[in-house]
Amino acid sequence: MMNERGDEQASTLFFRESLLHEMYFSEKPRLAELTVRYEALRCDIMQQYYMNKDYDNVIRIATSLDFHDDADPNASCLVYYYKAQAYVKLENYPMAKEAFFREFELRKKYLGWEDEDTILACQNLGVLHSFCNEREEALACFREAYGHEVKKNGEDSEMAQELLQYISVVES
């Protein structure tokens, strides 16, 4: 679906997506290999839709992607991240919360707390809980992220200080 402005960039993205779909279904013998490539390319297109602020198409692609979380956890996390961000931009917070939670759970399971994006995912979930006036859930997220950030980088790190600010704002 092209965006209403009908701008050339949205048209080009839609054309690339259609062409990709046609190529994918014309080479069925190598289905497994092509599926991974196809979904990765669609993920790239989804990111471009996000950069163009075409959030409906971000959600459409993110919802239709056939990723298997254990096959490529990083790609799956990105899909959930962009899906959540698109829902936030469209002010659909329950769906955003679900996507942010899924991203956080995947990062925690596959990448662990050593990965800084896991701490950021926990922080993002906390920010959304805070925005929805869910203080206890927000505090739990911020405290958990803070604890792991301090273990990883110390209490003087920029992220730890930012998390402390979030905690104090929610507690006040």
Protein backbone atom coordinates (compact mmCIF):
# COMPACT_ATOMS: atom_id res chain seq x y z
CA MET A 1 0.00 0.00 0.00
CA MET A 2 1.58 3.27 -1.08
CA ASN A 3 1.29 6.16 1.25
CA GLU A 4 -1.19 8.88 0.39
CA ARG A 5 1.42 11.38 -0.74
CA GLY A 6 2.17 9.08 -3.65
CA ASP A 7 5.79 10.08 -3.41
CA GLU A 8 8.33 8.41 -5.60
CA GLN A 9 10.25 6.80 -2.75
CA ALA A 10 7.19 4.97 -1.39
CA SER A 11 6.35 3.86 -4.92
CA THR A 12 9.89 2.54 -5.38
CA LEU A 13 9.74 0.60 -2.11
CA PHE A 14 6.40 -0.93 -3.05
CA PHE A 15 7.79 -1.89 -6.47
CA ARG A 16 10.89 -3.47 -4.88
CA GLU A 17 8.68 -5.44 -2.52
CA SER A 18 6.48 -6.67 -5.40
CA LEU A 19 9.49 -7.63 -7.48
CA LEU A 20 11.03 -9.47 -4.56
CA HIS A 21 7.79 -11.39 -4.04
CA GLU A 22 7.71 -12.40 -7.71
CA MET A 23 11.36 -13.55 -7.69
CA TYR A 24 10.84 -15.56 -4.52
CA PHE A 25 7.92 -17.55 -5.86
CA SER A 26 9.60 -18.23 -9.21
CA GLU A 27 12.45 -20.19 -7.57
CA LYS A 28 10.65 -22.67 -5.31
CA PRO A 29 13.23 -25.50 -5.55
CA ARG A 30 15.63 -23.72 -3.20
CA LEU A 31 12.85 -22.78 -0.84
CA ALA A 32 14.63 -22.94 2.53
CA GLU A 33 17.60 -20.84 1.43
CA LEU A 34 15.40 -18.40 -0.42
CA THR A 35 13.00 -18.02 2.49
CA VAL A 36 15.79 -16.72 4.71
CA ARG A 37 17.01 -14.33 2.02
CA TYR A 38 13.48 -13.23 1.17
CA GLU A 39 12.58 -12.45 4.76
CA ALA A 40 15.88 -10.61 5.33
CA LEU A 41 15.26 -8.42 2.29
CA ARG A 42 11.69 -7.75 3.39
CA CYS A 43 13.09 -6.76 6.79
CA ASP A 44 15.35 -4.23 5.05
CA ILE A 45 12.37 -2.85 3.14
CA MET A 46 10.42 -2.66 6.41
CA GLN A 47 13.22 -0.55 7.93
CA GLN A 48 13.09 1.77 4.93
CA TYR A 49 9.33 2.16 5.33
CA TYR A 50 10.00 3.11 8.96
CA MET A 51 12.57 5.72 7.93
CA ASN A 52 9.97 7.11 5.49
CA LYS A 53 7.43 7.27 8.35
CA ASP A 54 5.12 4.81 6.58
CA TYR A 55 4.15 3.02 9.79
CA ASP A 56 1.20 1.08 8.40
CA ASN A 57 3.51 -0.70 5.95
CA VAL A 58 6.04 -1.36 8.72
CA ILE A 59 3.33 -3.14 10.70
CA ARG A 60 2.03 -4.96 7.63
CA ILE A 61 5.46 -6.37 6.79
CA ALA A 62 6.44 -7.07 10.41
CA THR A 63 3.22 -8.99 10.94
CA SER A 64 3.64 -11.04 7.78
CA LEU A 65 7.34 -11.92 8.15
CA ASP A 66 8.00 -15.62 8.63
CA PHE A 67 10.98 -15.42 10.97
CA HIS A 68 11.86 -18.25 13.29
CA ASP A 69 13.21 -16.59 16.40
CA ASP A 70 15.85 -19.24 17.08
CA ALA A 71 17.21 -19.14 13.52
CA ASP A 72 18.12 -15.46 13.56
CA PRO A 73 17.40 -13.83 16.94
CA ASN A 74 18.96 -10.49 15.96
CA ALA A 75 16.72 -10.13 12.91
CA SER A 76 13.67 -11.16 14.92
CA CYS A 77 14.50 -8.59 17.60
CA LEU A 78 14.80 -5.87 14.97
CA VAL A 79 11.43 -6.81 13.51
CA TYR A 80 9.78 -6.57 16.93
CA TYR A 81 11.60 -3.30 17.66
CA TYR A 82 10.44 -1.60 14.46
CA LYS A 83 6.95 -3.03 14.86
CA ALA A 84 6.78 -1.62 18.41
CA GLN A 85 8.10 1.76 17.32
CA ALA A 86 5.53 1.92 14.50
CA TYR A 87 2.72 1.13 16.94
CA VAL A 88 3.99 3.87 19.27
CA LYS A 89 3.98 6.37 16.40
CA LEU A 90 0.38 5.34 15.64
CA GLU A 91 -0.45 5.61 19.37
CA ASN A 92 -1.50 1.96 19.64
CA TYR A 93 0.21 1.38 22.97
CA PRO A 94 -1.16 -2.08 23.86
CA MET A 95 0.25 -3.49 20.61
CA ALA A 96 3.50 -1.56 21.09
CA LYS A 97 3.85 -3.00 24.58
CA GLU A 98 3.37 -6.53 23.26
CA ALA A 99 6.04 -6.03 20.57
CA PHE A 100 8.51 -4.38 22.97
CA PHE A 101 7.97 -7.21 25.45
CA ARG A 102 8.60 -9.82 22.76
CA GLU A 103 11.78 -8.03 21.66
CA PHE A 104 13.00 -7.85 25.26
CA GLU A 105 12.27 -11.54 25.95
CA LEU A 106 14.10 -12.62 22.77
CA ARG A 107 17.13 -10.48 23.54
CA LYS A 108 17.26 -11.79 27.10
CA LYS A 109 16.93 -15.42 25.97
CA TYR A 110 19.28 -15.45 22.99
CA LEU A 111 21.69 -12.56 23.56
CA GLY A 112 21.71 -12.33 27.35
CA TRP A 113 22.23 -9.35 29.61
CA GLU A 114 25.81 -8.96 28.33
CA ASP A 115 24.37 -7.46 25.13
CA GLU A 116 23.73 -3.74 25.64
CA ASP A 117 20.65 -3.92 23.40
CA THR A 118 19.01 -6.19 26.00
CA ILE A 119 19.37 -3.43 28.58
CA LEU A 120 18.00 -0.90 26.08
CA ALA A 121 15.05 -3.18 25.29
CA CYS A 122 14.26 -3.42 29.00
CA GLN A 123 14.52 0.37 29.29
CA ASN A 124 12.21 0.86 26.26
CA LEU A 125 9.63 -1.42 27.83
CA GLY A 126 9.91 0.55 31.08
CA VAL A 127 9.41 3.85 29.27
CA LEU A 128 6.26 2.53 27.62
CA HIS A 129 4.93 1.21 30.95
CA SER A 130 5.65 4.62 32.48
CA PHE A 131 3.88 6.38 29.63
CA CYS A 132 0.84 4.14 30.21
CA ASN A 133 0.89 5.03 33.94
CA GLU A 134 1.89 1.50 34.94
CA ARG A 135 4.32 2.60 37.65
CA GLU A 136 5.12 -0.77 39.21
CA GLU A 137 5.88 -2.42 35.86
CA ALA A 138 7.98 0.59 34.80
CA LEU A 139 9.97 0.54 38.04
CA ALA A 140 10.56 -3.20 37.72
CA CYS A 141 11.96 -2.75 34.21
CA PHE A 142 14.13 0.22 35.12
CA ARG A 143 15.51 -1.47 38.24
CA GLU A 144 16.26 -4.70 36.40
CA ALA A 145 18.03 -2.82 33.60
CA TYR A 146 19.92 -0.70 36.15
CA GLY A 147 21.11 -3.77 38.07
CA HIS A 148 22.50 -5.38 34.93
CA GLU A 149 24.01 -2.13 33.66
CA VAL A 150 25.85 -1.60 36.95
CA LYS A 151 27.21 -5.18 36.84
CA LYS A 152 28.35 -4.66 33.27
CA ASN A 153 29.65 -1.07 33.21
CA GLY A 154 29.52 0.29 36.75
CA GLU A 155 27.22 2.80 38.39
CA ASP A 156 28.99 5.76 36.78
CA SER A 157 28.11 4.71 33.23
CA GLU A 158 25.92 7.04 31.20
CA MET A 159 23.21 4.38 30.86
CA ALA A 160 23.18 3.71 34.62
CA GLN A 161 22.76 7.42 35.32
CA GLU A 162 19.94 7.65 32.78
CA LEU A 163 18.18 4.66 34.35
CA LEU A 164 18.49 6.26 37.80
CA GLN A 165 16.80 9.36 36.42
CA TYR A 166 13.94 7.24 35.05
CA ILE A 167 13.59 5.50 38.42
CA SER A 168 13.47 8.79 40.34
CA VAL A 169 10.89 10.28 37.94
CA VAL A 170 8.60 7.25 38.23
CA GLU A 171 8.98 7.11 42.04
CA SER A 172 8.08 10.79 42.47
